[in-house]
Amino acid sequence: MWFVLKNQTYQRVFAWINVCAVVIGFWVYYGVAHDPSGIAIWFIWLNWINVVLACLQFYFGYRKLNN
């Protein structure tokens, strides 16, 4: 992803894939009864990191490039 910063099509595709992953991730975490074990905190952190990553990818995908 980071090696194709000037290819906005890839950034947009990866950003929308991350949006789907975020929706599925939060649905699984909050929608399904889960055991509050040690792995639950890692799962929620992974979801929030994915939110930040998707925001960055949307920025790089939809920014105006000066050629």
N, C-alpha and C. Protein backbone atom coordinates (compact mmCIF):
# COMPACT_ATOMS: atom_id res chain seq x y z
N MET A 1 0.82 -1.18 0.00
CA MET A 1 0.00 0.00 0.00
C MET A 1 0.87 1.25 0.00
N TRP A 2 1.88 1.34 0.84
CA TRP A 2 2.65 2.57 0.97
C TRP A 2 3.58 2.80 -0.21
N PHE A 3 3.89 1.75 -0.95
CA PHE A 3 4.79 1.91 -2.08
C PHE A 3 4.06 2.37 -3.33
N VAL A 4 2.76 2.52 -3.28
CA VAL A 4 1.98 2.99 -4.43
C VAL A 4 1.20 4.25 -4.06
N LEU A 5 1.85 5.19 -3.39
CA LEU A 5 1.15 6.39 -2.94
C LEU A 5 0.63 7.24 -4.09
N LYS A 6 1.30 7.19 -5.24
CA LYS A 6 0.85 8.00 -6.38
C LYS A 6 -0.19 7.29 -7.23
N ASN A 7 -0.43 6.02 -6.96
CA ASN A 7 -1.47 5.29 -7.69
C ASN A 7 -2.74 5.34 -6.84
N GLN A 8 -3.56 6.31 -7.14
CA GLN A 8 -4.74 6.56 -6.31
C GLN A 8 -5.79 5.48 -6.44
N THR A 9 -5.81 4.78 -7.54
CA THR A 9 -6.79 3.70 -7.69
C THR A 9 -6.55 2.61 -6.66
N TYR A 10 -5.30 2.22 -6.47
CA TYR A 10 -4.97 1.22 -5.45
C TYR A 10 -5.34 1.71 -4.06
N GLN A 11 -5.05 2.97 -3.77
CA GLN A 11 -5.36 3.51 -2.45
C GLN A 11 -6.86 3.48 -2.18
N ARG A 12 -7.65 3.82 -3.18
CA ARG A 12 -9.11 3.80 -3.01
C ARG A 12 -9.62 2.38 -2.79
N VAL A 13 -9.11 1.45 -3.57
CA VAL A 13 -9.54 0.05 -3.42
C VAL A 13 -9.19 -0.47 -2.03
N PHE A 14 -7.95 -0.23 -1.60
CA PHE A 14 -7.53 -0.70 -0.27
C PHE A 14 -8.32 -0.01 0.83
N ALA A 15 -8.66 1.25 0.64
CA ALA A 15 -9.44 1.97 1.65
C ALA A 15 -10.83 1.36 1.79
N TRP A 16 -11.48 1.04 0.68
CA TRP A 16 -12.82 0.44 0.76
C TRP A 16 -12.77 -0.98 1.32
N ILE A 17 -11.69 -1.71 1.03
CA ILE A 17 -11.51 -3.03 1.65
C ILE A 17 -11.38 -2.88 3.15
N ASN A 18 -10.64 -1.88 3.60
CA ASN A 18 -10.49 -1.64 5.04
C ASN A 18 -11.81 -1.22 5.68
N VAL A 19 -12.62 -0.46 4.97
CA VAL A 19 -13.94 -0.09 5.51
C VAL A 19 -14.77 -1.35 5.74
N CYS A 20 -14.74 -2.26 4.79
CA CYS A 20 -15.46 -3.53 4.97
C CYS A 20 -14.90 -4.31 6.15
N ALA A 21 -13.58 -4.34 6.29
CA ALA A 21 -12.96 -5.04 7.41
C ALA A 21 -13.33 -4.40 8.74
N VAL A 22 -13.42 -3.08 8.78
CA VAL A 22 -13.80 -2.39 10.00
C VAL A 22 -15.24 -2.72 10.39
N VAL A 23 -16.15 -2.67 9.42
CA VAL A 23 -17.55 -2.97 9.70
C VAL A 23 -17.69 -4.41 10.19
N ILE A 24 -17.06 -5.33 9.51
CA ILE A 24 -17.13 -6.74 9.92
C ILE A 24 -16.47 -6.94 11.28
N GLY A 25 -15.33 -6.28 11.49
CA GLY A 25 -14.61 -6.44 12.75
C GLY A 25 -15.40 -5.93 13.94
N PHE A 26 -15.99 -4.75 13.82
CA PHE A 26 -16.78 -4.23 14.93
C PHE A 26 -18.08 -5.01 15.10
N TRP A 27 -18.66 -5.49 14.00
CA TRP A 27 -19.87 -6.31 14.12
C TRP A 27 -19.56 -7.60 14.87
N VAL A 28 -18.45 -8.23 14.55
CA VAL A 28 -18.07 -9.46 15.23
C VAL A 28 -17.79 -9.18 16.70
N TYR A 29 -17.09 -8.08 16.98
CA TYR A 29 -16.72 -7.80 18.38
C TYR A 29 -17.94 -7.42 19.22
N TYR A 30 -18.77 -6.52 18.71
CA TYR A 30 -19.90 -6.04 19.52
C TYR A 30 -21.19 -6.82 19.28
N GLY A 31 -21.33 -7.46 18.13
CA GLY A 31 -22.57 -8.14 17.79
C GLY A 31 -22.66 -9.57 18.29
N VAL A 32 -21.52 -10.15 18.56
CA VAL A 32 -21.49 -11.54 19.00
C VAL A 32 -21.07 -11.57 20.46
N ALA A 33 -21.71 -12.38 21.23
CA ALA A 33 -21.31 -12.52 22.64
C ALA A 33 -19.89 -13.07 22.68
N HIS A 34 -19.03 -12.37 23.38
CA HIS A 34 -17.63 -12.77 23.42
C HIS A 34 -17.17 -12.92 24.86
N ASP A 35 -16.16 -13.72 25.00
CA ASP A 35 -15.54 -13.93 26.29
C ASP A 35 -14.53 -12.81 26.52
N PRO A 36 -14.62 -12.08 27.61
CA PRO A 36 -13.68 -10.98 27.85
C PRO A 36 -12.31 -11.51 28.28
N SER A 37 -11.69 -12.22 27.39
CA SER A 37 -10.38 -12.78 27.70
C SER A 37 -9.28 -11.83 27.23
N GLY A 38 -8.06 -12.29 27.28
CA GLY A 38 -6.91 -11.46 26.92
C GLY A 38 -6.85 -11.08 25.46
N ILE A 39 -7.43 -11.88 24.60
CA ILE A 39 -7.36 -11.58 23.17
C ILE A 39 -8.36 -10.50 22.75
N ALA A 40 -9.38 -10.25 23.55
CA ALA A 40 -10.40 -9.27 23.20
C ALA A 40 -9.81 -7.88 23.05
N ILE A 41 -8.89 -7.49 23.92
CA ILE A 41 -8.29 -6.15 23.84
C ILE A 41 -7.46 -6.00 22.56
N TRP A 42 -6.79 -7.08 22.14
CA TRP A 42 -6.02 -7.03 20.91
C TRP A 42 -6.94 -6.90 19.70
N PHE A 43 -8.07 -7.54 19.76
CA PHE A 43 -9.02 -7.48 18.65
C PHE A 43 -9.58 -6.07 18.50
N ILE A 44 -9.92 -5.43 19.59
CA ILE A 44 -10.47 -4.07 19.51
C ILE A 44 -9.39 -3.09 19.06
N TRP A 45 -8.14 -3.29 19.50
CA TRP A 45 -7.04 -2.43 19.03
C TRP A 45 -6.83 -2.60 17.54
N LEU A 46 -6.91 -3.83 17.06
CA LEU A 46 -6.76 -4.08 15.63
C LEU A 46 -7.85 -3.37 14.84
N ASN A 47 -9.07 -3.36 15.34
CA ASN A 47 -10.15 -2.66 14.67
C ASN A 47 -9.89 -1.16 14.61
N TRP A 48 -9.43 -0.55 15.70
CA TRP A 48 -9.19 0.89 15.70
C TRP A 48 -7.98 1.26 14.84
N ILE A 49 -6.97 0.42 14.80
CA ILE A 49 -5.83 0.67 13.91
C ILE A 49 -6.28 0.61 12.46
N ASN A 50 -7.19 -0.30 12.17
CA ASN A 50 -7.73 -0.41 10.82
C ASN A 50 -8.55 0.83 10.44
N VAL A 51 -9.23 1.44 11.40
CA VAL A 51 -9.96 2.69 11.14
C VAL A 51 -8.98 3.80 10.74
N VAL A 52 -7.89 3.92 11.47
CA VAL A 52 -6.87 4.95 11.16
C VAL A 52 -6.25 4.67 9.80
N LEU A 53 -5.94 3.42 9.53
CA LEU A 53 -5.35 3.05 8.25
C LEU A 53 -6.29 3.36 7.09
N ALA A 54 -7.57 3.08 7.25
CA ALA A 54 -8.54 3.40 6.20
C ALA A 54 -8.62 4.90 5.96
N CYS A 55 -8.58 5.69 7.02
CA CYS A 55 -8.60 7.16 6.87
C CYS A 55 -7.39 7.63 6.08
N LEU A 56 -6.22 7.11 6.38
CA LEU A 56 -5.02 7.49 5.64
C LEU A 56 -5.13 7.08 4.17
N GLN A 57 -5.66 5.91 3.92
CA GLN A 57 -5.79 5.46 2.55
C GLN A 57 -6.81 6.29 1.78
N PHE A 58 -7.88 6.71 2.43
CA PHE A 58 -8.83 7.60 1.76
C PHE A 58 -8.17 8.94 1.45
N TYR A 59 -7.35 9.44 2.37
CA TYR A 59 -6.65 10.70 2.11
C TYR A 59 -5.74 10.57 0.89
N PHE A 60 -4.92 9.53 0.85
CA PHE A 60 -4.01 9.35 -0.28
C PHE A 60 -4.76 8.99 -1.56
N GLY A 61 -5.91 8.37 -1.45
CA GLY A 61 -6.66 7.97 -2.63
C GLY A 61 -7.46 9.08 -3.27
N TYR A 62 -7.90 10.04 -2.47
CA TYR A 62 -8.78 11.08 -3.01
C TYR A 62 -8.16 12.48 -2.98
N ARG A 63 -6.89 12.58 -2.61
CA ARG A 63 -6.25 13.91 -2.63
C ARG A 63 -5.96 14.30 -4.07
N LYS A 64 -5.78 15.58 -4.26
CA LYS A 64 -5.47 16.08 -5.60
C LYS A 64 -3.95 16.08 -5.78
N LEU A 65 -3.48 15.38 -6.78
CA LEU A 65 -2.05 15.31 -7.04
C LEU A 65 -1.64 16.45 -7.96
N ASN A 66 -0.53 17.08 -7.65
CA ASN A 66 0.02 18.13 -8.50
C ASN A 66 1.10 17.51 -9.37
N ASN A 67 0.82 17.38 -10.63
CA ASN A 67 1.79 16.76 -11.56
C ASN A 67 2.60 17.82 -12.24
